[in-house]
């Protein structure tokens, strides 16, 4: 069981949403994440950089067979540390709200 732990880094609304969207999936394409969150490239990049520096997300670039140009896709993955931090943060929020598991 994950320990309840409030995480100020994750608590920022955009970063909380990023982690929430990534939590149930293995990885997500940057563009799909951007469109899902309805934010700009710059906003998403800024928050992903913060999460990556904390070790909560991993960014990888890969060529796409569907593309005819040289651009590569950026894949975003919530790391095990990120999953634990997010789960602990959600648990802490539930405790604050008086609705623990």
PDB file of N, CA and C in Angstrom:
ATOM      1  N   UNK A   1       0.840  -1.177   0.000  1.00  0.00           N
ATOM      2  CA  UNK A   1       0.000   0.000   0.000  1.00  0.00           C
ATOM      3  C   UNK A   1       0.887   1.242   0.000  1.00  0.00           C
ATOM      4  N   UNK A   2       0.558   2.177  -0.865  1.00  0.00           N
ATOM      5  CA  UNK A   2       1.304   3.430  -0.993  1.00  0.00           C
ATOM      6  C   UNK A   2       0.962   4.349   0.184  1.00  0.00           C
ATOM      7  N   UNK A   3       2.006   4.934   0.768  1.00  0.00           N
ATOM      8  CA  UNK A   3       1.833   5.857   1.884  1.00  0.00           C
ATOM      9  C   UNK A   3       1.292   7.192   1.375  1.00  0.00           C
ATOM     10  N   UNK A   4       0.346   7.765   2.113  1.00  0.00           N
ATOM     11  CA  UNK A   4      -0.175   9.086   1.778  1.00  0.00           C
ATOM     12  C   UNK A   4       0.938  10.108   1.970  1.00  0.00           C
ATOM     13  N   UNK A   5       1.204  10.880   0.914  1.00  0.00           N
ATOM     14  CA  UNK A   5       2.251  11.905   0.999  1.00  0.00           C
ATOM     15  C   UNK A   5       1.916  13.027   0.045  1.00  0.00           C
ATOM     16  N   UNK A   6       1.620  14.194   0.607  1.00  0.00           N
ATOM     17  CA  UNK A   6       1.341  15.372  -0.206  1.00  0.00           C
ATOM     18  C   UNK A   6       2.611  15.750  -0.952  1.00  0.00           C
ATOM     19  N   UNK A   7       2.498  15.963  -2.257  1.00  0.00           N
ATOM     20  CA  UNK A   7       3.659  16.293  -3.086  1.00  0.00           C
ATOM     21  C   UNK A   7       3.394  17.623  -3.778  1.00  0.00           C
ATOM     22  N   UNK A   8       4.054  18.674  -3.304  1.00  0.00           N
ATOM     23  CA  UNK A   8       3.833  20.019  -3.843  1.00  0.00           C
ATOM     24  C   UNK A   8       4.195  20.113  -5.322  1.00  0.00           C
ATOM     25  N   UNK A   9       5.158  19.330  -5.769  1.00  0.00           N
ATOM     26  CA  UNK A   9       5.556  19.369  -7.176  1.00  0.00           C
ATOM     27  C   UNK A   9       4.423  18.845  -8.064  1.00  0.00           C
ATOM     28  N   UNK A  10       3.787  17.773  -7.643  1.00  0.00           N
ATOM     29  CA  UNK A  10       2.677  17.204  -8.418  1.00  0.00           C
ATOM     30  C   UNK A  10       1.414  18.048  -8.263  1.00  0.00           C
ATOM     31  N   UNK A  11       1.257  18.722  -7.141  1.00  0.00           N
ATOM     32  CA  UNK A  11       0.004  19.403  -6.830  1.00  0.00           C
ATOM     33  C   UNK A  11      -0.360  20.539  -7.791  1.00  0.00           C
ATOM     34  N   UNK A  12       0.612  21.125  -8.460  1.00  0.00           N
ATOM     35  CA  UNK A  12       0.294  22.179  -9.440  1.00  0.00           C
ATOM     36  C   UNK A  12      -0.740  21.622 -10.418  1.00  0.00           C
ATOM     37  N   UNK A  13      -1.810  22.353 -10.698  1.00  0.00           N
ATOM     38  CA  UNK A  13      -2.913  21.796 -11.500  1.00  0.00           C
ATOM     39  C   UNK A  13      -2.495  21.126 -12.809  1.00  0.00           C
ATOM     40  N   UNK A  14      -1.630  21.745 -13.574  1.00  0.00           N
ATOM     41  CA  UNK A  14      -1.232  21.146 -14.855  1.00  0.00           C
ATOM     42  C   UNK A  14      -0.466  19.844 -14.635  1.00  0.00           C
ATOM     43  N   UNK A  15       0.427  19.819 -13.649  1.00  0.00           N
ATOM     44  CA  UNK A  15       1.209  18.608 -13.393  1.00  0.00           C
ATOM     45  C   UNK A  15       0.345  17.503 -12.793  1.00  0.00           C
ATOM     46  N   UNK A  16      -0.629  17.866 -11.982  1.00  0.00           N
ATOM     47  CA  UNK A  16      -1.565  16.883 -11.444  1.00  0.00           C
ATOM     48  C   UNK A  16      -2.362  16.243 -12.579  1.00  0.00           C
ATOM     49  N   UNK A  17      -2.800  17.052 -13.523  1.00  0.00           N
ATOM     50  CA  UNK A  17      -3.542  16.537 -14.669  1.00  0.00           C
ATOM     51  C   UNK A  17      -2.654  15.660 -15.552  1.00  0.00           C
ATOM     52  N   UNK A  18      -1.411  16.072 -15.776  1.00  0.00           N
ATOM     53  CA  UNK A  18      -0.474  15.268 -16.571  1.00  0.00           C
ATOM     54  C   UNK A  18      -0.323  13.885 -15.943  1.00  0.00           C
ATOM     55  N   UNK A  19      -0.048  13.843 -14.656  1.00  0.00           N
ATOM     56  CA  UNK A  19       0.136  12.560 -13.973  1.00  0.00           C
ATOM     57  C   UNK A  19      -1.139  11.734 -14.002  1.00  0.00           C
ATOM     58  N   UNK A  20      -2.281  12.389 -13.836  1.00  0.00           N
ATOM     59  CA  UNK A  20      -3.552  11.674 -13.864  1.00  0.00           C
ATOM     60  C   UNK A  20      -3.843  11.046 -15.211  1.00  0.00           C
ATOM     61  N   UNK A  21      -3.516  11.741 -16.279  1.00  0.00           N
ATOM     62  CA  UNK A  21      -3.729  11.202 -17.629  1.00  0.00           C
ATOM     63  C   UNK A  21      -2.748  10.067 -17.916  1.00  0.00           C
ATOM     64  N   UNK A  22      -1.506  10.219 -17.462  1.00  0.00           N
ATOM     65  CA  UNK A  22      -0.486   9.200 -17.727  1.00  0.00           C
ATOM     66  C   UNK A  22      -0.620   7.964 -16.839  1.00  0.00           C
ATOM     67  N   UNK A  23      -1.224   8.098 -15.681  1.00  0.00           N
ATOM     68  CA  UNK A  23      -1.259   7.003 -14.693  1.00  0.00           C
ATOM     69  C   UNK A  23      -1.793   5.687 -15.263  1.00  0.00           C
ATOM     70  N   UNK A  24      -2.895   5.676 -16.000  1.00  0.00           N
ATOM     71  CA  UNK A  24      -3.429   4.377 -16.444  1.00  0.00           C
ATOM     72  C   UNK A  24      -2.804   3.818 -17.729  1.00  0.00           C
ATOM     73  N   UNK A  25      -1.870   4.542 -18.330  1.00  0.00           N
ATOM     74  CA  UNK A  25      -1.306   4.082 -19.605  1.00  0.00           C
ATOM     75  C   UNK A  25       0.191   3.812 -19.473  1.00  0.00           C
ATOM     76  N   UNK A  26       0.705   3.028 -20.417  1.00  0.00           N
ATOM     77  CA  UNK A  26       2.137   2.731 -20.440  1.00  0.00           C
ATOM     78  C   UNK A  26       2.936   3.967 -20.859  1.00  0.00           C
ATOM     79  N   UNK A  27       2.499   4.610 -21.927  1.00  0.00           N
ATOM     80  CA  UNK A  27       3.129   5.826 -22.434  1.00  0.00           C
ATOM     81  C   UNK A  27       2.130   6.547 -23.319  1.00  0.00           C
ATOM     82  N   UNK A  28       2.432   7.806 -23.613  1.00  0.00           N
ATOM     83  CA  UNK A  28       1.551   8.598 -24.460  1.00  0.00           C
ATOM     84  C   UNK A  28       2.384   9.534 -25.315  1.00  0.00           C
ATOM     85  N   UNK A  29       1.961   9.703 -26.549  1.00  0.00           N
ATOM     86  CA  UNK A  29       2.602  10.636 -27.461  1.00  0.00           C
ATOM     87  C   UNK A  29       2.394  12.062 -26.951  1.00  0.00           C
ATOM     88  N   UNK A  30       3.438  12.879 -27.035  1.00  0.00           N
ATOM     89  CA  UNK A  30       3.386  14.268 -26.581  1.00  0.00           C
ATOM     90  C   UNK A  30       2.168  14.994 -27.157  1.00  0.00           C
ATOM     91  N   UNK A  31       1.938  14.856 -28.460  1.00  0.00           N
ATOM     92  CA  UNK A  31       0.834  15.577 -29.110  1.00  0.00           C
ATOM     93  C   UNK A  31      -0.522  15.128 -28.577  1.00  0.00           C
ATOM     94  N   UNK A  32      -0.671  13.849 -28.317  1.00  0.00           N
ATOM     95  CA  UNK A  32      -1.933  13.341 -27.775  1.00  0.00           C
ATOM     96  C   UNK A  32      -2.130  13.876 -26.359  1.00  0.00           C
ATOM     97  N   UNK A  33      -1.076  13.878 -25.558  1.00  0.00           N
ATOM     98  CA  UNK A  33      -1.154  14.424 -24.198  1.00  0.00           C
ATOM     99  C   UNK A  33      -1.504  15.905 -24.243  1.00  0.00           C
ATOM    100  N   UNK A  34      -0.837  16.646 -25.111  1.00  0.00           N
ATOM    101  CA  UNK A  34      -1.106  18.083 -25.273  1.00  0.00           C
ATOM    102  C   UNK A  34      -2.572  18.319 -25.627  1.00  0.00           C
ATOM    103  N   UNK A  35      -3.085  17.567 -26.593  1.00  0.00           N
ATOM    104  CA  UNK A  35      -4.469  17.739 -27.026  1.00  0.00           C
ATOM    105  C   UNK A  35      -5.457  17.304 -25.950  1.00  0.00           C
ATOM    106  N   UNK A  36      -5.137  16.253 -25.234  1.00  0.00           N
ATOM    107  CA  UNK A  36      -6.005  15.776 -24.152  1.00  0.00           C
ATOM    108  C   UNK A  36      -6.133  16.823 -23.060  1.00  0.00           C
ATOM    109  N   UNK A  37      -5.022  17.471 -22.745  1.00  0.00           N
ATOM    110  CA  UNK A  37      -5.006  18.488 -21.689  1.00  0.00           C
ATOM    111  C   UNK A  37      -5.433  19.860 -22.184  1.00  0.00           C
ATOM    112  N   UNK A  38      -5.479  20.027 -23.519  1.00  0.00           N
ATOM    113  CA  UNK A  38      -5.833  21.304 -24.142  1.00  0.00           C
ATOM    114  C   UNK A  38      -4.908  22.431 -23.664  1.00  0.00           C
ATOM    115  N   UNK A  39      -3.589  22.180 -23.791  1.00  0.00           N
ATOM    116  CA  UNK A  39      -2.573  23.168 -23.434  1.00  0.00           C
ATOM    117  C   UNK A  39      -1.650  23.367 -24.630  1.00  0.00           C
ATOM    118  N   UNK A  40      -0.839  24.389 -24.564  1.00  0.00           N
ATOM    119  CA  UNK A  40       0.111  24.659 -25.639  1.00  0.00           C
ATOM    120  C   UNK A  40       1.330  23.748 -25.516  1.00  0.00           C
ATOM    121  N   UNK A  41       2.087  23.638 -26.600  1.00  0.00           N
ATOM    122  CA  UNK A  41       3.340  22.884 -26.576  1.00  0.00           C
ATOM    123  C   UNK A  41       4.267  23.423 -25.488  1.00  0.00           C
ATOM    124  N   UNK A  42       4.366  24.741 -25.417  1.00  0.00           N
ATOM    125  CA  UNK A  42       5.283  25.366 -24.456  1.00  0.00           C
ATOM    126  C   UNK A  42       4.874  25.058 -23.018  1.00  0.00           C
ATOM    127  N   UNK A  43       3.590  25.130 -22.735  1.00  0.00           N
ATOM    128  CA  UNK A  43       3.108  24.849 -21.379  1.00  0.00           C
ATOM    129  C   UNK A  43       3.385  23.402 -21.008  1.00  0.00           C
ATOM    130  N   UNK A  44       3.056  22.477 -21.911  1.00  0.00           N
ATOM    131  CA  UNK A  44       3.285  21.071 -21.620  1.00  0.00           C
ATOM    132  C   UNK A  44       4.777  20.797 -21.462  1.00  0.00           C
ATOM    133  N   UNK A  45       5.603  21.344 -22.339  1.00  0.00           N
ATOM    134  CA  UNK A  45       7.053  21.147 -22.258  1.00  0.00           C
ATOM    135  C   UNK A  45       7.606  21.618 -20.925  1.00  0.00           C
ATOM    136  N   UNK A  46       7.162  22.772 -20.474  1.00  0.00           N
ATOM    137  CA  UNK A  46       7.640  23.334 -19.207  1.00  0.00           C
ATOM    138  C   UNK A  46       7.314  22.402 -18.042  1.00  0.00           C
ATOM    139  N   UNK A  47       6.091  21.921 -17.989  1.00  0.00           N
ATOM    140  CA  UNK A  47       5.689  21.057 -16.879  1.00  0.00           C
ATOM    141  C   UNK A  47       6.337  19.677 -16.974  1.00  0.00           C
ATOM    142  N   UNK A  48       6.502  19.159 -18.183  1.00  0.00           N
ATOM    143  CA  UNK A  48       7.181  17.877 -18.343  1.00  0.00           C
ATOM    144  C   UNK A  48       8.641  17.979 -17.927  1.00  0.00           C
ATOM    145  N   UNK A  49       9.276  19.104 -18.215  1.00  0.00           N
ATOM    146  CA  UNK A  49      10.667  19.300 -17.800  1.00  0.00           C
ATOM    147  C   UNK A  49      10.779  19.240 -16.277  1.00  0.00           C
ATOM    148  N   UNK A  50       9.861  19.891 -15.589  1.00  0.00           N
ATOM    149  CA  UNK A  50       9.857  19.881 -14.125  1.00  0.00           C
ATOM    150  C   UNK A  50       9.662  18.460 -13.594  1.00  0.00           C
ATOM    151  N   UNK A  51       8.700  17.741 -14.179  1.00  0.00           N
ATOM    152  CA  UNK A  51       8.439  16.362 -13.749  1.00  0.00           C
ATOM    153  C   UNK A  51       9.616  15.446 -14.079  1.00  0.00           C
ATOM    154  N   UNK A  52      10.251  15.665 -15.229  1.00  0.00           N
ATOM    155  CA  UNK A  52      11.399  14.842 -15.628  1.00  0.00           C
ATOM    156  C   UNK A  52      12.586  15.083 -14.698  1.00  0.00           C
ATOM    157  N   UNK A  53      12.822  16.332 -14.328  1.00  0.00           N
ATOM    158  CA  UNK A  53      13.928  16.655 -13.422  1.00  0.00           C
ATOM    159  C   UNK A  53      13.738  15.999 -12.054  1.00  0.00           C
ATOM    160  N   UNK A  54      12.480  15.795 -11.663  1.00  0.00           N
ATOM    161  CA  UNK A  54      12.178  15.138 -10.389  1.00  0.00           C
ATOM    162  C   UNK A  54      12.220  13.615 -10.525  1.00  0.00           C
ATOM    163  N   UNK A  55      12.351  13.129 -11.753  1.00  0.00           N
ATOM    164  CA  UNK A  55      12.363  11.688 -11.978  1.00  0.00           C
ATOM    165  C   UNK A  55      10.976  11.073 -12.075  1.00  0.00           C
ATOM    166  N   UNK A  56       9.964  11.905 -12.249  1.00  0.00           N
ATOM    167  CA  UNK A  56       8.582  11.418 -12.283  1.00  0.00           C
ATOM    168  C   UNK A  56       8.127  11.010 -13.683  1.00  0.00           C
ATOM    169  N   UNK A  57       8.711  11.595 -14.717  1.00  0.00           N
ATOM    170  CA  UNK A  57       8.383  11.189 -16.081  1.00  0.00           C
ATOM    171  C   UNK A  57       9.681  10.967 -16.860  1.00  0.00           C
ATOM    172  N   UNK A  58       9.559  10.165 -17.910  1.00  0.00           N
ATOM    173  CA  UNK A  58      10.677   9.938 -18.824  1.00  0.00           C
ATOM    174  C   UNK A  58      10.200  10.311 -20.219  1.00  0.00           C
ATOM    175  N   UNK A  59      11.027  11.046 -20.933  1.00  0.00           N
ATOM    176  CA  UNK A  59      10.723  11.452 -22.303  1.00  0.00           C
ATOM    177  C   UNK A  59      11.654  10.708 -23.243  1.00  0.00           C
ATOM    178  N   UNK A  60      11.085  10.074 -24.257  1.00  0.00           N
ATOM    179  CA  UNK A  60      11.901   9.388 -25.245  1.00  0.00           C
ATOM    180  C   UNK A  60      11.436   9.795 -26.632  1.00  0.00           C
ATOM    181  N   UNK A  61      12.394   9.886 -27.528  1.00  0.00           N
ATOM    182  CA  UNK A  61      12.077  10.245 -28.914  1.00  0.00           C
ATOM    183  C   UNK A  61      12.236   9.012 -29.775  1.00  0.00           C
ATOM    184  N   UNK A  62      11.328   8.860 -30.734  1.00  0.00           N
ATOM    185  CA  UNK A  62      11.378   7.698 -31.623  1.00  0.00           C
ATOM    186  C   UNK A  62      10.850   8.095 -32.992  1.00  0.00           C
ATOM    187  N   UNK A  63      11.410   7.486 -33.992  1.00  0.00           N
ATOM    188  CA  UNK A  63      10.922   7.700 -35.356  1.00  0.00           C
ATOM    189  C   UNK A  63       9.541   7.071 -35.474  1.00  0.00           C
ATOM    190  N   UNK A  64       8.754   7.615 -36.363  1.00  0.00           N
ATOM    191  CA  UNK A  64       7.417   7.086 -36.592  1.00  0.00           C
ATOM    192  C   UNK A  64       7.340   6.533 -38.004  1.00  0.00           C
ATOM    193  N   UNK A  65       6.907   5.300 -38.128  1.00  0.00           N
ATOM    194  CA  UNK A  65       6.750   4.683 -39.444  1.00  0.00           C
ATOM    195  C   UNK A  65       5.671   5.390 -40.257  1.00  0.00           C
ATOM    196  N   UNK A  66       4.754   6.054 -39.577  1.00  0.00           N
ATOM    197  CA  UNK A  66       3.651   6.725 -40.269  1.00  0.00           C
ATOM    198  C   UNK A  66       4.060   8.077 -40.853  1.00  0.00           C
ATOM    199  N   UNK A  67       5.219   8.595 -40.443  1.00  0.00           N
ATOM    200  CA  UNK A  67       5.659   9.911 -40.913  1.00  0.00           C
ATOM    201  C   UNK A  67       6.564   9.763 -42.123  1.00  0.00           C
ATOM    202  N   UNK A  68       6.456  10.701 -43.031  1.00  0.00           N
ATOM    203  CA  UNK A  68       7.329  10.697 -44.208  1.00  0.00           C
ATOM    204  C   UNK A  68       8.493  11.673 -44.060  1.00  0.00           C
ATOM    205  N   UNK A  69       8.448  12.509 -43.009  1.00  0.00           N
ATOM    206  CA  UNK A  69       9.543  13.459 -42.779  1.00  0.00           C
ATOM    207  C   UNK A  69      10.463  12.923 -41.676  1.00  0.00           C
ATOM    208  N   UNK A  70      11.464  13.698 -41.333  1.00  0.00           N
ATOM    209  CA  UNK A  70      12.477  13.252 -40.374  1.00  0.00           C
ATOM    210  C   UNK A  70      12.089  13.517 -38.917  1.00  0.00           C
ATOM    211  N   UNK A  71      10.976  14.206 -38.698  1.00  0.00           N
ATOM    212  CA  UNK A  71      10.598  14.512 -37.318  1.00  0.00           C
ATOM    213  C   UNK A  71      10.304  13.234 -36.540  1.00  0.00           C
ATOM    214  N   UNK A  72      10.637  13.300 -35.252  1.00  0.00           N
ATOM    215  CA  UNK A  72      10.413  12.139 -34.398  1.00  0.00           C
ATOM    216  C   UNK A  72       9.332  12.455 -33.380  1.00  0.00           C
ATOM    217  N   UNK A  73       8.666  11.402 -32.909  1.00  0.00           N
ATOM    218  CA  UNK A  73       7.639  11.544 -31.885  1.00  0.00           C
ATOM    219  C   UNK A  73       8.298  11.557 -30.513  1.00  0.00           C
ATOM    220  N   UNK A  74       7.735  12.323 -29.611  1.00  0.00           N
ATOM    221  CA  UNK A  74       8.179  12.307 -28.229  1.00  0.00           C
ATOM    222  C   UNK A  74       7.159  11.525 -27.423  1.00  0.00           C
ATOM    223  N   UNK A  75       7.629  10.478 -26.758  1.00  0.00           N
ATOM    224  CA  UNK A  75       6.779   9.650 -25.916  1.00  0.00           C
ATOM    225  C   UNK A  75       7.007  10.029 -24.465  1.00  0.00           C
ATOM    226  N   UNK A  76       5.923  10.102 -23.705  1.00  0.00           N
ATOM    227  CA  UNK A  76       5.978  10.480 -22.293  1.00  0.00           C
ATOM    228  C   UNK A  76       5.527   9.282 -21.462  1.00  0.00           C
ATOM    229  N   UNK A  77       6.343   8.923 -20.475  1.00  0.00           N
ATOM    230  CA  UNK A  77       6.050   7.793 -19.604  1.00  0.00           C
ATOM    231  C   UNK A  77       6.120   8.241 -18.153  1.00  0.00           C
ATOM    232  N   UNK A  78       5.132   7.872 -17.366  1.00  0.00           N
ATOM    233  CA  UNK A  78       5.187   8.095 -15.923  1.00  0.00           C
ATOM    234  C   UNK A  78       6.077   6.996 -15.338  1.00  0.00           C
ATOM    235  N   UNK A  79       7.155   7.384 -14.681  1.00  0.00           N
ATOM    236  CA  UNK A  79       8.107   6.409 -14.135  1.00  0.00           C
ATOM    237  C   UNK A  79       7.505   5.727 -12.898  1.00  0.00           C
ATOM    238  N   UNK A  80       8.121   4.628 -12.449  1.00  0.00           N
ATOM    239  CA  UNK A  80       7.650   4.023 -11.194  1.00  0.00           C
ATOM    240  C   UNK A  80       7.669   5.024 -10.033  1.00  0.00           C
ATOM    241  N   UNK A  81       8.700   5.853  -9.962  1.00  0.00           N
ATOM    242  CA  UNK A  81       8.750   6.880  -8.910  1.00  0.00           C
ATOM    243  C   UNK A  81       7.610   7.872  -9.072  1.00  0.00           C
ATOM    244  N   UNK A  82       7.302   8.221 -10.312  1.00  0.00           N
ATOM    245  CA  UNK A  82       6.190   9.132 -10.580  1.00  0.00           C
ATOM    246  C   UNK A  82       4.852   8.525 -10.211  1.00  0.00           C
ATOM    247  N   UNK A  83       4.678   7.240 -10.521  1.00  0.00           N
ATOM    248  CA  UNK A  83       3.436   6.544 -10.162  1.00  0.00           C
ATOM    249  C   UNK A  83       3.266   6.518  -8.640  1.00  0.00           C
ATOM    250  N   UNK A  84       4.338   6.188  -7.935  1.00  0.00           N
ATOM    251  CA  UNK A  84       4.269   6.150  -6.470  1.00  0.00           C
ATOM    252  C   UNK A  84       3.970   7.526  -5.886  1.00  0.00           C
ATOM    253  N   UNK A  85       4.639   8.545  -6.413  1.00  0.00           N
ATOM    254  CA  UNK A  85       4.412   9.908  -5.922  1.00  0.00           C
ATOM    255  C   UNK A  85       2.988  10.355  -6.200  1.00  0.00           C
ATOM    256  N   UNK A  86       2.487  10.065  -7.403  1.00  0.00           N
ATOM    257  CA  UNK A  86       1.114  10.445  -7.749  1.00  0.00           C
ATOM    258  C   UNK A  86       0.112   9.706  -6.865  1.00  0.00           C
ATOM    259  N   UNK A  87       0.296   8.400  -6.726  1.00  0.00           N
ATOM    260  CA  UNK A  87      -0.624   7.613  -5.894  1.00  0.00           C
ATOM    261  C   UNK A  87      -0.611   8.095  -4.445  1.00  0.00           C
ATOM    262  N   UNK A  88       0.577   8.394  -3.919  1.00  0.00           N
ATOM    263  CA  UNK A  88       0.685   8.909  -2.557  1.00  0.00           C
ATOM    264  C   UNK A  88       0.031  10.268  -2.415  1.00  0.00           C
ATOM    265  N   UNK A  89       0.171  11.093  -3.441  1.00  0.00           N
ATOM    266  CA  UNK A  89      -0.437  12.427  -3.410  1.00  0.00           C
ATOM    267  C   UNK A  89      -1.964  12.324  -3.436  1.00  0.00           C
ATOM    268  N   UNK A  90      -2.484  11.470  -4.300  1.00  0.00           N
ATOM    269  CA  UNK A  90      -3.942  11.275  -4.361  1.00  0.00           C
ATOM    270  C   UNK A  90      -4.459  10.754  -3.016  1.00  0.00           C
ATOM    271  N   UNK A  91      -3.718   9.831  -2.420  1.00  0.00           N
ATOM    272  CA  UNK A  91      -4.114   9.302  -1.119  1.00  0.00           C
ATOM    273  C   UNK A  91      -4.128  10.413  -0.069  1.00  0.00           C
ATOM    274  N   UNK A  92      -3.116  11.290  -0.103  1.00  0.00           N
ATOM    275  CA  UNK A  92      -3.060  12.411   0.847  1.00  0.00           C
ATOM    276  C   UNK A  92      -4.227  13.364   0.620  1.00  0.00           C
ATOM    277  N   UNK A  93      -4.578  13.621  -0.630  1.00  0.00           N
ATOM    278  CA  UNK A  93      -5.715  14.494  -0.910  1.00  0.00           C
ATOM    279  C   UNK A  93      -7.011  13.884  -0.384  1.00  0.00           C
ATOM    280  N   UNK A  94      -7.153  12.572  -0.523  1.00  0.00           N
ATOM    281  CA  UNK A  94      -8.347  11.889   0.007  1.00  0.00           C
ATOM    282  C   UNK A  94      -8.411  12.022   1.533  1.00  0.00           C
ATOM    283  N   UNK A  95      -7.261  11.902   2.189  1.00  0.00           N
ATOM    284  CA  UNK A  95      -7.237  12.077   3.641  1.00  0.00           C
ATOM    285  C   UNK A  95      -7.608  13.491   4.030  1.00  0.00           C
ATOM    286  N   UNK A  96      -7.093  14.469   3.290  1.00  0.00           N
ATOM    287  CA  UNK A  96      -7.425  15.872   3.568  1.00  0.00           C
ATOM    288  C   UNK A  96      -8.924  16.101   3.397  1.00  0.00           C
ATOM    289  N   UNK A  97      -9.500  15.462   2.364  1.00  0.00           N
ATOM    290  CA  UNK A  97     -10.931  15.608   2.098  1.00  0.00           C
ATOM    291  C   UNK A  97     -11.788  14.777   3.045  1.00  0.00           C
ATOM    292  N   UNK A  98     -11.161  13.944   3.848  1.00  0.00           N
ATOM    293  CA  UNK A  98     -11.906  13.121   4.787  1.00  0.00           C
ATOM    294  C   UNK A  98     -12.512  11.879   4.150  1.00  0.00           C
ATOM    295  N   UNK A  99     -11.936  11.454   3.028  1.00  0.00           N
ATOM    296  CA  UNK A  99     -12.444  10.254   2.343  1.00  0.00           C
ATOM    297  C   UNK A  99     -11.321   9.275   2.072  1.00  0.00           C
ATOM    298  N   UNK A 100     -10.630   8.794   3.131  1.00  0.00           N
ATOM    299  CA  UNK A 100      -9.531   7.862   2.887  1.00  0.00           C
ATOM    300  C   UNK A 100     -10.046   6.550   2.312  1.00  0.00           C
ATOM    301  N   UNK A 101      -9.138   5.797   1.686  1.00  0.00           N
ATOM    302  CA  UNK A 101      -9.506   4.499   1.107  1.00  0.00           C
ATOM    303  C   UNK A 101     -10.016   3.553   2.173  1.00  0.00           C
TER     304      UNK A 101
END
